[in-house]
C-alpha atoms as a PDB file:
ATOM      1  CA  MET A   1     -17.742 -36.794  10.060  1.00  0.00           C
ATOM      2  CA  ASP A   2     -19.379 -39.448  11.668  1.00  0.00           C
ATOM      3  CA  GLU A   3     -21.645 -37.649  14.822  1.00  0.00           C
ATOM      4  CA  GLU A   4     -21.245 -40.593  17.229  1.00  0.00           C
ATOM      5  CA  ARG A   5     -17.513 -40.268  16.936  1.00  0.00           C
ATOM      6  CA  ARG A   6     -17.812 -36.533  17.122  1.00  0.00           C
ATOM      7  CA  GLY A   7     -19.895 -36.606  20.092  1.00  0.00           C
ATOM      8  CA  PRO A   8     -21.946 -33.889  20.210  1.00  0.00           C
ATOM      9  CA  GLY A   9     -19.843 -31.625  21.801  1.00  0.00           C
ATOM     10  CA  THR A  10     -17.019 -31.469  19.828  1.00  0.00           C
ATOM     11  CA  ALA A  11     -19.264 -31.229  16.473  1.00  0.00           C
ATOM     12  CA  ALA A  12     -21.014 -27.744  17.866  1.00  0.00           C
ATOM     13  CA  LEU A  13     -17.288 -27.057  17.808  1.00  0.00           C
ATOM     14  CA  TYR A  14     -16.788 -28.050  14.306  1.00  0.00           C
ATOM     15  CA  GLY A  15     -19.125 -25.831  12.615  1.00  0.00           C
ATOM     16  CA  THR A  16     -18.091 -23.188  14.512  1.00  0.00           C
ATOM     17  CA  LEU A  17     -14.188 -23.801  13.918  1.00  0.00           C
ATOM     18  CA  ARG A  18     -14.212 -25.784  10.782  1.00  0.00           C
ATOM     19  CA  PRO A  19     -14.227 -22.288   8.976  1.00  0.00           C
ATOM     20  CA  LEU A  20     -11.059 -20.671   9.988  1.00  0.00           C
ATOM     21  CA  LEU A  21      -9.220 -23.765  10.580  1.00  0.00           C
ATOM     22  CA  PHE A  22      -9.782 -24.537   7.022  1.00  0.00           C
ATOM     23  CA  SER A  23      -8.826 -21.252   6.437  1.00  0.00           C
ATOM     24  CA  ILE A  24      -5.165 -21.348   8.832  1.00  0.00           C
ATOM     25  CA  ALA A  25      -5.321 -25.533   6.748  1.00  0.00           C
ATOM     26  CA  TYR A  26      -5.173 -24.213   3.284  1.00  0.00           C
ATOM     27  CA  ARG A  27      -3.138 -21.238   3.445  1.00  0.00           C
ATOM     28  CA  MET A  28      -0.195 -23.490   5.191  1.00  0.00           C
ATOM     29  CA  LEU A  29      -0.420 -26.211   2.302  1.00  0.00           C
ATOM     30  CA  GLY A  30      -2.060 -24.801  -0.747  1.00  0.00           C
ATOM     31  CA  SER A  31      -3.976 -27.885  -1.379  1.00  0.00           C
ATOM     32  CA  VAL A  32      -7.852 -28.076  -0.468  1.00  0.00           C
ATOM     33  CA  SER A  33      -7.993 -32.356  -0.018  1.00  0.00           C
ATOM     34  CA  GLU A  34      -5.520 -31.172   2.428  1.00  0.00           C
ATOM     35  CA  ALA A  35      -6.471 -29.220   4.255  1.00  0.00           C
ATOM     36  CA  GLU A  36      -9.925 -31.004   4.177  1.00  0.00           C
ATOM     37  CA  ASP A  37      -7.852 -33.712   5.599  1.00  0.00           C
ATOM     38  CA  LEU A  38      -5.581 -32.689   8.329  1.00  0.00           C
ATOM     39  CA  VAL A  39      -9.005 -30.902  10.259  1.00  0.00           C
ATOM     40  CA  GLN A  40     -10.678 -33.739   9.607  1.00  0.00           C
ATOM     41  CA  GLU A  41      -7.800 -35.515  11.171  1.00  0.00           C
ATOM     42  CA  ALA A  42      -7.507 -32.783  14.144  1.00  0.00           C
ATOM     43  CA  PHE A  43     -11.309 -33.023  15.280  1.00  0.00           C
ATOM     44  CA  LEU A  44     -10.536 -36.958  14.807  1.00  0.00           C
ATOM     45  CA  ARG A  45      -7.992 -36.659  17.951  1.00  0.00           C
ATOM     46  CA  TYR A  46      -9.362 -33.647  19.848  1.00  0.00           C
ATOM     47  CA  HIS A  47     -12.659 -36.529  20.141  1.00  0.00           C
ATOM     48  CA  SER A  48     -10.260 -38.147  21.164  1.00  0.00           C
ATOM     49  CA  ALA A  49      -8.088 -36.476  24.235  1.00  0.00           C
ATOM     50  CA  VAL A  50     -11.661 -35.311  25.195  1.00  0.00           C
ATOM     51  CA  VAL A  51     -13.135 -38.456  25.996  1.00  0.00           C
ATOM     52  CA  LYS A  52     -10.020 -39.215  27.640  1.00  0.00           C
ATOM     53  CA  HIS A  53      -9.183 -35.771  29.543  1.00  0.00           C
ATOM     54  CA  GLY A  54     -12.229 -33.566  29.612  1.00  0.00           C
ATOM     55  CA  GLU A  55     -12.295 -30.262  27.582  1.00  0.00           C
ATOM     56  CA  PRO A  56      -8.972 -28.007  27.375  1.00  0.00           C
ATOM     57  CA  ASP A  57      -9.238 -24.589  28.446  1.00  0.00           C
ATOM     58  CA  SER A  58     -10.017 -23.639  24.476  1.00  0.00           C
ATOM     59  CA  PRO A  59     -10.573 -26.062  21.954  1.00  0.00           C
ATOM     60  CA  LYS A  60      -9.992 -22.890  19.971  1.00  0.00           C
ATOM     61  CA  ALA A  61      -6.500 -22.702  20.958  1.00  0.00           C
ATOM     62  CA  TYR A  62      -6.220 -26.587  21.434  1.00  0.00           C
ATOM     63  CA  LEU A  63      -7.271 -27.119  17.508  1.00  0.00           C
ATOM     64  CA  SER A  64      -5.041 -24.907  16.127  1.00  0.00           C
ATOM     65  CA  ALA A  65      -2.039 -26.197  18.089  1.00  0.00           C
ATOM     66  CA  ILE A  66      -2.976 -29.717  16.370  1.00  0.00           C
ATOM     67  CA  VAL A  67      -4.152 -28.318  13.075  1.00  0.00           C
ATOM     68  CA  THR A  68      -0.274 -25.847  12.261  1.00  0.00           C
ATOM     69  CA  ARG A  69       1.761 -29.022  13.324  1.00  0.00           C
ATOM     70  CA  LEU A  70       0.110 -31.181  11.113  1.00  0.00           C
ATOM     71  CA  CYS A  71       0.210 -28.519   8.728  1.00  0.00           C
ATOM     72  CA  ILE A  72       3.778 -28.205   9.282  1.00  0.00           C
ATOM     73  CA  ASP A  73       4.523 -31.894   8.981  1.00  0.00           C
ATOM     74  CA  GLN A  74       3.169 -31.785   5.789  1.00  0.00           C
ATOM     75  CA  LEU A  75       4.671 -28.916   4.780  1.00  0.00           C
ATOM     76  CA  ARG A  76       7.941 -31.406   5.664  1.00  0.00           C
ATOM     77  CA  SER A  77       7.859 -34.617   3.826  1.00  0.00           C
ATOM     78  CA  ALA A  78       6.488 -32.247   0.559  1.00  0.00           C
ATOM     79  CA  ARG A  79       9.669 -31.030  -0.116  1.00  0.00           C
ATOM     80  CA  ALA A  80      10.844 -33.212  -1.335  1.00  0.00           C
ATOM     81  CA  ARG A  81       7.942 -34.559  -4.218  1.00  0.00           C
ATOM     82  CA  ARG A  82       8.093 -30.192  -4.910  1.00  0.00           C
ATOM     83  CA  GLU A  83      11.485 -30.785  -6.128  1.00  0.00           C
ATOM     84  CA  SER A  84      10.282 -33.108  -8.082  1.00  0.00           C
ATOM     85  CA  TYR A  85       7.081 -31.819  -9.391  1.00  0.00           C
ATOM     86  CA  VAL A  86       7.177 -32.001 -13.244  1.00  0.00           C
ATOM     87  CA  GLY A  87       6.621 -28.384 -14.541  1.00  0.00           C
ATOM     88  CA  GLU A  88       5.401 -25.505 -12.428  1.00  0.00           C
ATOM     89  CA  TRP A  89       3.936 -26.117  -8.810  1.00  0.00           C
ATOM     90  CA  LEU A  90       0.774 -23.441  -8.157  1.00  0.00           C
ATOM     91  CA  PRO A  91      -2.127 -24.707  -5.293  1.00  0.00           C
ATOM     92  CA  GLU A  92      -4.831 -26.718  -6.012  1.00  0.00           C
ATOM     93  CA  PRO A  93      -7.128 -23.166  -6.879  1.00  0.00           C
ATOM     94  CA  LEU A  94     -10.974 -22.305  -4.360  1.00  0.00           C
ATOM     95  CA  VAL A  95     -13.471 -20.983  -6.600  1.00  0.00           C
ATOM     96  CA  THR A  96     -14.916 -18.219  -3.773  1.00  0.00           C
ATOM     97  CA  GLY A  97     -17.317 -16.483  -5.938  1.00  0.00           C
ATOM     98  CA  GLN A  98     -18.909 -17.476  -9.352  1.00  0.00           C
ATOM     99  CA  SER A  99     -20.238 -14.674 -12.022  1.00  0.00           C
ATOM    100  CA  GLY A 100     -19.821 -11.891  -9.760  1.00  0.00           C
ATOM    101  CA  ALA A 101     -20.942 -12.643  -6.863  1.00  0.00           C
ATOM    102  CA  TYR A 102     -18.612 -13.040  -3.863  1.00  0.00           C
ATOM    103  CA  ASN A 103     -18.191 -15.496  -0.682  1.00  0.00           C
ATOM    104  CA  SER A 104     -15.931 -14.566   1.830  1.00  0.00           C
ATOM    105  CA  PRO A 105     -13.474 -16.715   0.795  1.00  0.00           C
ATOM    106  CA  ALA A 106     -12.379 -19.908   3.711  1.00  0.00           C
ATOM    107  CA  GLY A 107     -12.410 -17.805   6.397  1.00  0.00           C
ATOM    108  CA  ALA A 108     -13.667 -16.289   9.701  1.00  0.00           C
ATOM    109  CA  PRO A 109     -16.242 -14.414   8.199  1.00  0.00           C
ATOM    110  CA  THR A 110     -15.773 -10.421   9.037  1.00  0.00           C
ATOM    111  CA  ALA A 111     -17.941  -7.474   8.554  1.00  0.00           C
ATOM    112  CA  ASP A 112     -14.906  -5.038   8.550  1.00  0.00           C
ATOM    113  CA  PRO A 113     -14.190  -4.342   4.489  1.00  0.00           C
ATOM    114  CA  ALA A 114      -9.929  -3.739   5.301  1.00  0.00           C
ATOM    115  CA  ALA A 115      -9.853  -7.445   6.856  1.00  0.00           C
ATOM    116  CA  ALA A 116     -11.703  -8.824   4.397  1.00  0.00           C
ATOM    117  CA  ALA A 117      -9.221  -7.249   1.691  1.00  0.00           C
ATOM    118  CA  GLU A 118      -6.606  -7.936   3.735  1.00  0.00           C
ATOM    119  CA  GLN A 119      -8.339 -12.166   3.544  1.00  0.00           C
ATOM    120  CA  ALA A 120      -8.723 -12.430  -0.101  1.00  0.00           C
ATOM    121  CA  ASP A 121      -5.157 -10.904  -0.936  1.00  0.00           C
ATOM    122  CA  SER A 122      -3.725 -13.494   1.760  1.00  0.00           C
ATOM    123  CA  LEU A 123      -6.000 -16.363   0.023  1.00  0.00           C
ATOM    124  CA  SER A 124      -4.880 -15.420  -3.308  1.00  0.00           C
ATOM    125  CA  MET A 125      -2.054 -17.330  -5.480  1.00  0.00           C
ATOM    126  CA  ALA A 126       0.358 -14.769  -5.689  1.00  0.00           C
ATOM    127  CA  PHE A 127       0.450 -14.931  -2.168  1.00  0.00           C
ATOM    128  CA  LEU A 128       0.132 -18.589  -1.753  1.00  0.00           C
ATOM    129  CA  LEU A 129       3.339 -19.077  -3.452  1.00  0.00           C
ATOM    130  CA  LEU A 130       5.148 -16.259  -1.671  1.00  0.00           C
ATOM    131  CA  LEU A 131       4.316 -18.182   1.470  1.00  0.00           C
ATOM    132  CA  GLU A 132       6.295 -21.020  -0.178  1.00  0.00           C
ATOM    133  CA  ARG A 133       9.528 -19.332   0.545  1.00  0.00           C
ATOM    134  CA  LEU A 134       9.152 -19.440   4.212  1.00  0.00           C
ATOM    135  CA  THR A 135      10.013 -22.085   6.138  1.00  0.00           C
ATOM    136  CA  PRO A 136       7.152 -24.135   7.810  1.00  0.00           C
ATOM    137  CA  LEU A 137       7.189 -22.220  11.128  1.00  0.00           C
ATOM    138  CA  GLU A 138       8.544 -19.026   9.592  1.00  0.00           C
ATOM    139  CA  ARG A 139       5.175 -19.626   7.711  1.00  0.00           C
ATOM    140  CA  ALA A 140       2.567 -20.740  10.437  1.00  0.00           C
ATOM    141  CA  VAL A 141       3.927 -18.214  13.045  1.00  0.00           C
ATOM    142  CA  PHE A 142       3.303 -14.982  10.314  1.00  0.00           C
ATOM    143  CA  LEU A 143       0.467 -16.587   9.408  1.00  0.00           C
ATOM    144  CA  LEU A 144      -1.074 -16.575  12.895  1.00  0.00           C
ATOM    145  CA  HIS A 145      -0.411 -13.265  14.007  1.00  0.00           C
ATOM    146  CA  ASP A 146      -0.587 -11.295  11.283  1.00  0.00           C
ATOM    147  CA  VAL A 147      -3.547 -13.225   9.109  1.00  0.00           C
ATOM    148  CA  PHE A 148      -5.318 -14.254  12.084  1.00  0.00           C
ATOM    149  CA  GLY A 149      -4.535 -11.737  14.487  1.00  0.00           C
ATOM    150  CA  TYR A 150      -2.957 -14.635  16.921  1.00  0.00           C
ATOM    151  CA  SER A 151      -1.310 -12.163  19.892  1.00  0.00           C
ATOM    152  CA  TYR A 152       2.725 -13.740  19.600  1.00  0.00           C
ATOM    153  CA  ALA A 153       1.905 -15.332  23.290  1.00  0.00           C
ATOM    154  CA  GLU A 154      -1.419 -17.427  22.084  1.00  0.00           C
ATOM    155  CA  ALA A 155       1.220 -18.209  18.801  1.00  0.00           C
ATOM    156  CA  ALA A 156       3.739 -19.724  20.635  1.00  0.00           C
ATOM    157  CA  GLY A 157       1.378 -22.057  22.300  1.00  0.00           C
ATOM    158  CA  VAL A 158       0.376 -23.345  19.105  1.00  0.00           C
ATOM    159  CA  VAL A 159       3.971 -23.702  17.358  1.00  0.00           C
ATOM    160  CA  GLY A 160       5.400 -24.829  20.963  1.00  0.00           C
ATOM    161  CA  ARG A 161       8.577 -22.089  20.925  1.00  0.00           C
ATOM    162  CA  SER A 162       8.686 -18.615  23.336  1.00  0.00           C
ATOM    163  CA  ALA A 163       6.725 -15.755  21.961  1.00  0.00           C
ATOM    164  CA  THR A 164      10.271 -14.047  21.717  1.00  0.00           C
ATOM    165  CA  THR A 165      10.964 -17.033  19.189  1.00  0.00           C
ATOM    166  CA  CYS A 166       7.341 -16.649  17.159  1.00  0.00           C
ATOM    167  CA  ARG A 167       8.405 -12.299  16.882  1.00  0.00           C
ATOM    168  CA  GLN A 168      12.006 -12.929  15.211  1.00  0.00           C
ATOM    169  CA  LEU A 169       9.928 -15.522  13.286  1.00  0.00           C
ATOM    170  CA  ALA A 170       7.793 -13.302  12.684  1.00  0.00           C
ATOM    171  CA  HIS A 171       9.747 -10.335  11.819  1.00  0.00           C
ATOM    172  CA  ARG A 172      11.741 -13.237   9.451  1.00  0.00           C
ATOM    173  CA  ALA A 173       9.040 -13.792   7.205  1.00  0.00           C
ATOM    174  CA  ARG A 174       8.200 -10.293   7.123  1.00  0.00           C
ATOM    175  CA  GLN A 175      10.696  -8.854   5.865  1.00  0.00           C
ATOM    176  CA  HIS A 176      10.253 -11.770   2.689  1.00  0.00           C
ATOM    177  CA  ILE A 177       6.682 -11.205   2.634  1.00  0.00           C
ATOM    178  CA  GLU A 178       7.496  -7.349   1.985  1.00  0.00           C
ATOM    179  CA  ALA A 179       9.999  -7.276  -0.118  1.00  0.00           C
ATOM    180  CA  ALA A 180       8.188  -9.419  -2.432  1.00  0.00           C
ATOM    181  CA  ARG A 181       4.268  -8.965  -1.675  1.00  0.00           C
ATOM    182  CA  PRO A 182       1.988  -9.088  -4.744  1.00  0.00           C
ATOM    183  CA  ARG A 183       0.083  -5.946  -5.448  1.00  0.00           C
ATOM    184  CA  PHE A 184      -3.631  -5.646  -6.627  1.00  0.00           C
ATOM    185  CA  ASP A 185      -5.882  -3.571  -8.132  1.00  0.00           C
ATOM    186  CA  VAL A 186      -7.644  -2.191  -4.933  1.00  0.00           C
ATOM    187  CA  ALA A 187     -11.036  -0.892  -6.854  1.00  0.00           C
ATOM    188  CA  ALA A 188     -13.242  -4.289  -7.568  1.00  0.00           C
ATOM    189  CA  ARG A 189     -15.379  -2.982  -9.758  1.00  0.00           C
ATOM    190  CA  GLU A 190     -13.017  -1.621 -12.326  1.00  0.00           C
ATOM    191  CA  ARG A 191     -10.633  -4.924 -11.816  1.00  0.00           C
ATOM    192  CA  ASP A 192     -13.200  -6.926 -12.674  1.00  0.00           C
ATOM    193  CA  GLU A 193     -14.418  -5.029 -14.874  1.00  0.00           C
ATOM    194  CA  LEU A 194     -11.425  -5.364 -16.532  1.00  0.00           C
ATOM    195  CA  ALA A 195     -11.069  -9.333 -16.253  1.00  0.00           C
ATOM    196  CA  GLY A 196     -14.558  -9.477 -18.279  1.00  0.00           C
ATOM    197  CA  ARG A 197     -13.620  -7.224 -20.960  1.00  0.00           C
ATOM    198  CA  PHE A 198     -10.117  -9.926 -21.017  1.00  0.00           C
ATOM    199  CA  PHE A 199     -12.256 -13.230 -20.819  1.00  0.00           C
ATOM    200  CA  THR A 200     -14.192 -11.919 -23.327  1.00  0.00           C
ATOM    201  CA  ALA A 201     -11.439 -10.796 -25.565  1.00  0.00           C
ATOM    202  CA  VAL A 202      -9.862 -14.538 -24.548  1.00  0.00           C
ATOM    203  CA  ARG A 203     -13.138 -16.381 -25.970  1.00  0.00           C
ATOM    204  CA  THR A 204     -13.275 -14.175 -29.111  1.00  0.00           C
ATOM    205  CA  GLY A 205      -9.503 -14.597 -29.845  1.00  0.00           C
ATOM    206  CA  ASP A 206      -9.540 -10.838 -30.053  1.00  0.00           C
ATOM    207  CA  MET A 207      -5.899 -10.186 -30.369  1.00  0.00           C
ATOM    208  CA  GLY A 208      -5.886  -6.526 -30.048  1.00  0.00           C
ATOM    209  CA  GLY A 209      -8.191  -6.416 -26.915  1.00  0.00           C
ATOM    210  CA  LEU A 210      -5.732  -9.038 -25.363  1.00  0.00           C
ATOM    211  CA  LEU A 211      -2.850  -6.942 -26.517  1.00  0.00           C
ATOM    212  CA  SER A 212      -4.560  -3.824 -24.701  1.00  0.00           C
ATOM    213  CA  MET A 213      -5.009  -5.089 -21.607  1.00  0.00           C
ATOM    214  CA  LEU A 214      -1.951  -7.272 -19.989  1.00  0.00           C
ATOM    215  CA  ALA A 215       1.139  -5.713 -19.372  1.00  0.00           C
ATOM    216  CA  ALA A 216       4.256  -4.973 -21.401  1.00  0.00           C
ATOM    217  CA  ASP A 217       6.253  -8.448 -18.746  1.00  0.00           C
ATOM    218  CA  ALA A 218       2.927 -10.263 -18.185  1.00  0.00           C
ATOM    219  CA  GLU A 219       3.282 -13.608 -17.573  1.00  0.00           C
ATOM    220  CA  VAL A 220       1.175 -16.745 -17.770  1.00  0.00           C
ATOM    221  CA  HIS A 221       2.200 -20.147 -15.427  1.00  0.00           C
ATOM    222  CA  GLY A 222       0.361 -23.495 -15.850  1.00  0.00           C
ATOM    223  CA  ASP A 223       0.070 -26.732 -14.024  1.00  0.00           C
ATOM    224  CA  SER A 224      -0.538 -29.428 -15.389  1.00  0.00           C
ATOM    225  CA  GLY A 225       1.235 -31.654 -13.013  1.00  0.00           C
ATOM    226  CA  GLY A 226       3.594 -32.497 -16.401  1.00  0.00           C
ATOM    227  CA  VAL A 227       0.357 -34.068 -18.324  1.00  0.00           C
ATOM    228  CA  PRO A 228       0.219 -32.680 -21.353  1.00  0.00           C
ATOM    229  CA  PRO A 229      -1.118 -29.866 -22.213  1.00  0.00           C
ATOM    230  CA  SER A 230       1.775 -28.612 -20.161  1.00  0.00           C
ATOM    231  CA  TRP A 231       4.068 -25.632 -20.088  1.00  0.00           C
ATOM    232  CA  ARG A 232       6.912 -26.416 -18.681  1.00  0.00           C
ATOM    233  CA  ARG A 233       7.750 -22.545 -18.032  1.00  0.00           C
ATOM    234  CA  PRO A 234       5.883 -19.122 -17.775  1.00  0.00           C
ATOM    235  CA  ILE A 235       5.011 -17.784 -20.931  1.00  0.00           C
ATOM    236  CA  THR A 236       6.467 -13.984 -20.223  1.00  0.00           C
ATOM    237  CA  GLY A 237       6.005 -10.594 -22.823  1.00  0.00           C
ATOM    238  CA  ARG A 238       2.278  -8.568 -23.616  1.00  0.00           C
ATOM    239  CA  GLN A 239       2.349 -10.738 -27.266  1.00  0.00           C
ATOM    240  CA  HIS A 240       3.862 -14.433 -26.338  1.00  0.00           C
ATOM    241  CA  VAL A 241       0.521 -14.152 -24.512  1.00  0.00           C
ATOM    242  CA  ALA A 242      -1.970 -12.521 -25.898  1.00  0.00           C
ATOM    243  CA  LYS A 243      -1.233 -15.297 -28.801  1.00  0.00           C
ATOM    244  CA  LEU A 244      -1.615 -17.883 -25.771  1.00  0.00           C
ATOM    245  CA  MET A 245      -4.762 -16.561 -24.358  1.00  0.00           C
ATOM    246  CA  ALA A 246      -6.525 -16.627 -27.923  1.00  0.00           C
ATOM    247  CA  ALA A 247      -5.943 -19.791 -28.736  1.00  0.00           C
ATOM    248  CA  LEU A 248      -7.138 -21.272 -25.755  1.00  0.00           C
ATOM    249  CA  GLY A 249      -9.975 -19.616 -26.985  1.00  0.00           C
ATOM    250  CA  ASN A 250     -10.084 -20.678 -29.860  1.00  0.00           C
ATOM    251  CA  GLN A 251      -9.463 -24.345 -28.856  1.00  0.00           C
ATOM    252  CA  LEU A 252     -12.351 -24.035 -26.479  1.00  0.00           C
ATOM    253  CA  HIS A 253     -14.810 -23.039 -29.376  1.00  0.00           C
ATOM    254  CA  HIS A 254     -13.424 -25.757 -31.521  1.00  0.00           C
ATOM    255  CA  VAL A 255     -14.558 -28.178 -28.361  1.00  0.00           C
ATOM    256  CA  ARG A 256     -17.486 -26.110 -27.949  1.00  0.00           C
ATOM    257  CA  GLY A 257     -16.507 -25.194 -24.651  1.00  0.00           C
ATOM    258  CA  SER A 258     -17.183 -21.989 -22.631  1.00  0.00           C
ATOM    259  CA  LEU A 259     -15.396 -19.315 -20.504  1.00  0.00           C
ATOM    260  CA  GLU A 260     -17.425 -19.072 -17.276  1.00  0.00           C
ATOM    261  CA  SER A 261     -16.492 -16.267 -14.779  1.00  0.00           C
ATOM    262  CA  ALA A 262     -15.624 -16.851 -11.319  1.00  0.00           C
ATOM    263  CA  GLU A 263     -13.429 -16.168  -8.233  1.00  0.00           C
ATOM    264  CA  ILE A 264     -11.218 -17.583  -7.823  1.00  0.00           C
ATOM    265  CA  ASN A 265      -8.744 -17.783  -4.200  1.00  0.00           C
ATOM    266  CA  GLY A 266     -10.661 -13.991  -4.310  1.00  0.00           C
ATOM    267  CA  GLN A 267      -9.513 -12.523  -7.164  1.00  0.00           C
ATOM    268  CA  PRO A 268     -10.587 -12.828 -11.477  1.00  0.00           C
ATOM    269  CA  GLY A 269     -10.993 -16.270 -12.593  1.00  0.00           C
ATOM    270  CA  ALA A 270     -12.950 -18.364 -15.069  1.00  0.00           C
ATOM    271  CA  LEU A 271     -13.541 -21.964 -15.049  1.00  0.00           C
ATOM    272  CA  ALA A 272     -12.340 -23.518 -18.335  1.00  0.00           C
ATOM    273  CA  ARG A 273     -15.794 -26.070 -19.378  1.00  0.00           C
ATOM    274  CA  GLY A 274     -16.333 -28.364 -21.819  1.00  0.00           C
ATOM    275  CA  ARG A 275     -19.234 -28.803 -24.062  1.00  0.00           C
ATOM    276  CA  ASP A 276     -21.032 -31.212 -21.332  1.00  0.00           C
ATOM    277  CA  GLY A 277     -20.371 -28.884 -18.356  1.00  0.00           C
ATOM    278  CA  ARG A 278     -17.627 -30.591 -17.041  1.00  0.00           C
ATOM    279  CA  LEU A 279     -14.444 -28.176 -15.929  1.00  0.00           C
ATOM    280  CA  ILE A 280     -11.259 -28.364 -17.544  1.00  0.00           C
ATOM    281  CA  ALA A 281      -9.023 -25.836 -16.283  1.00  0.00           C
ATOM    282  CA  VAL A 282      -8.816 -23.051 -13.767  1.00  0.00           C
ATOM    283  CA  LEU A 283      -7.682 -19.691 -14.958  1.00  0.00           C
ATOM    284  CA  SER A 284      -7.124 -16.652 -12.121  1.00  0.00           C
ATOM    285  CA  ILE A 285      -5.914 -13.554 -13.011  1.00  0.00           C
ATOM    286  CA  ASP A 286      -3.411 -10.708 -11.153  1.00  0.00           C
ATOM    287  CA  VAL A 287      -4.577  -6.951 -12.397  1.00  0.00           C
ATOM    288  CA  ALA A 288      -2.804  -3.814 -10.628  1.00  0.00           C
ATOM    289  CA  ASP A 289      -2.131  -1.131 -12.492  1.00  0.00           C
ATOM    290  CA  GLY A 290      -5.362  -1.144 -14.695  1.00  0.00           C
ATOM    291  CA  GLN A 291      -3.234  -3.549 -16.195  1.00  0.00           C
ATOM    292  CA  ILE A 292      -3.664  -7.869 -16.668  1.00  0.00           C
ATOM    293  CA  GLN A 293      -0.229  -8.943 -14.826  1.00  0.00           C
ATOM    294  CA  THR A 294      -0.265 -12.402 -15.309  1.00  0.00           C
ATOM    295  CA  VAL A 295      -2.626 -15.262 -15.894  1.00  0.00           C
ATOM    296  CA  ARG A 296      -2.248 -18.814 -13.879  1.00  0.00           C
ATOM    297  CA  SER A 297      -4.307 -21.947 -14.960  1.00  0.00           C
ATOM    298  CA  VAL A 298      -4.339 -25.169 -13.949  1.00  0.00           C
ATOM    299  CA  ILE A 299      -4.947 -28.612 -15.362  1.00  0.00           C
ATOM    300  CA  SER A 300      -3.774 -31.105 -12.840  1.00  0.00           C
ATOM    301  CA  ARG A 301      -6.779 -33.488 -12.586  1.00  0.00           C
ATOM    302  CA  PRO A 302      -5.527 -33.665  -8.934  1.00  0.00           C
ATOM    303  CA  LYS A 303      -5.584 -30.363  -7.637  1.00  0.00           C
ATOM    304  CA  LEU A 304      -9.145 -30.282  -9.790  1.00  0.00           C
ATOM    305  CA  ARG A 305     -11.352 -32.766  -8.408  1.00  0.00           C
ATOM    306  CA  HIS A 306     -12.654 -30.782  -5.486  1.00  0.00           C
ATOM    307  CA  LEU A 307     -14.772 -28.752  -8.301  1.00  0.00           C
ATOM    308  CA  GLY A 308     -17.089 -31.396  -9.431  1.00  0.00           C
ATOM    309  CA  PRO A 309     -16.848 -34.111 -12.802  1.00  0.00           C
ATOM    310  CA  LEU A 310     -13.726 -33.005 -14.839  1.00  0.00           C
ATOM    311  CA  ALA A 311     -13.045 -33.358 -18.185  1.00  0.00           C
ATOM    312  CA  ASP A 312     -11.536 -36.287 -19.931  1.00  0.00           C
ATOM    313  CA  LEU A 313      -8.441 -34.384 -21.905  1.00  0.00           C
ATOM    314  CA  ALA A 314      -8.046 -37.094 -24.118  1.00  0.00           C
ATOM    315  CA  GLU A 315     -10.825 -36.948 -25.981  1.00  0.00           C
ATOM    316  CA  LEU A 316     -10.650 -33.356 -25.845  1.00  0.00           C
ATOM    317  CA  GLN A 317      -7.442 -33.422 -27.456  1.00  0.00           C
ATOM    318  CA  GLN A 318      -8.636 -36.483 -30.290  1.00  0.00           C
ATOM    319  CA  ARG A 319     -11.429 -32.737 -31.712  1.00  0.00           C
ATOM    320  CA  GLY A 320      -8.515 -30.347 -30.974  1.00  0.00           C
ATOM    321  CA  SER A 321      -5.403 -29.541 -29.398  1.00  0.00           C
ATOM    322  CA  GLY A 322      -5.455 -29.642 -26.643  1.00  0.00           C
ATOM    323  CA  ALA A 323      -6.822 -26.593 -23.666  1.00  0.00           C
ATOM    324  CA  ALA A 324      -4.727 -24.468 -21.371  1.00  0.00           C
ATOM    325  CA  GLY A 325      -2.416 -26.033 -18.724  1.00  0.00           C
END
């Protein structure tokens, strides 16, 4: 954002509050690019309001309200687009750490390990997909209160409802969430060790190794935005998932690609790259009870642009049968 348009006061707030506001917007929308755009728009509106009327009593509350209301409007307009989306819809992946190094997920940093784990879980693709079951208003109040620690009175000021209504909205949202909330193995070292062995087995096409690590009801979900190669529906069952993952490893080998360890949305994952380092796909896995429960693959070009240069899929398909998605 242009420094002159922000002004010195807004510039300081931008550095302080942007991580929190992006955190709210990303969890609301499941889109990195849309979240960044709405946070930018919120600061422009804030700066304009300050010039006209002076600074509000609480810039955090004021900006939270702008971002949240913009997100609610965006979700309502996106509903029809989601219904006509070709294939499965997955959130835009967020790389929160690479090569085993953990970086605090996009949000306000915290020194409390339990709170950090809770924020990481609320960033997972499984959790973001669960939020899709809520109405935009339920989603907003639930995130503000249960994830970001706003009081009901503060949430009420943000969404323009009474504290009593917000309490009811959060209660309904919580019932939906708790009924299907994803379970993750909490021991990060064991989880990451299993993930490392899993992606090694994918790279080498080790069917035996894959079968030993996958849950019996394991699933693969892919989002290509309808562009081949794609899976229109989930692939289910240990045997089918193992075959698909082994085929992925063989395809990457054929195009001289690689799988680079990464933390995706706070969970173990990998970046599939071509031989020139350009990104092909992002994969994330859910680990529970010591097994791989779910694999998610995103190759949709619009959903990966924020992560750097992308591989030419048509060129890769000429050399082989395509990569994950």
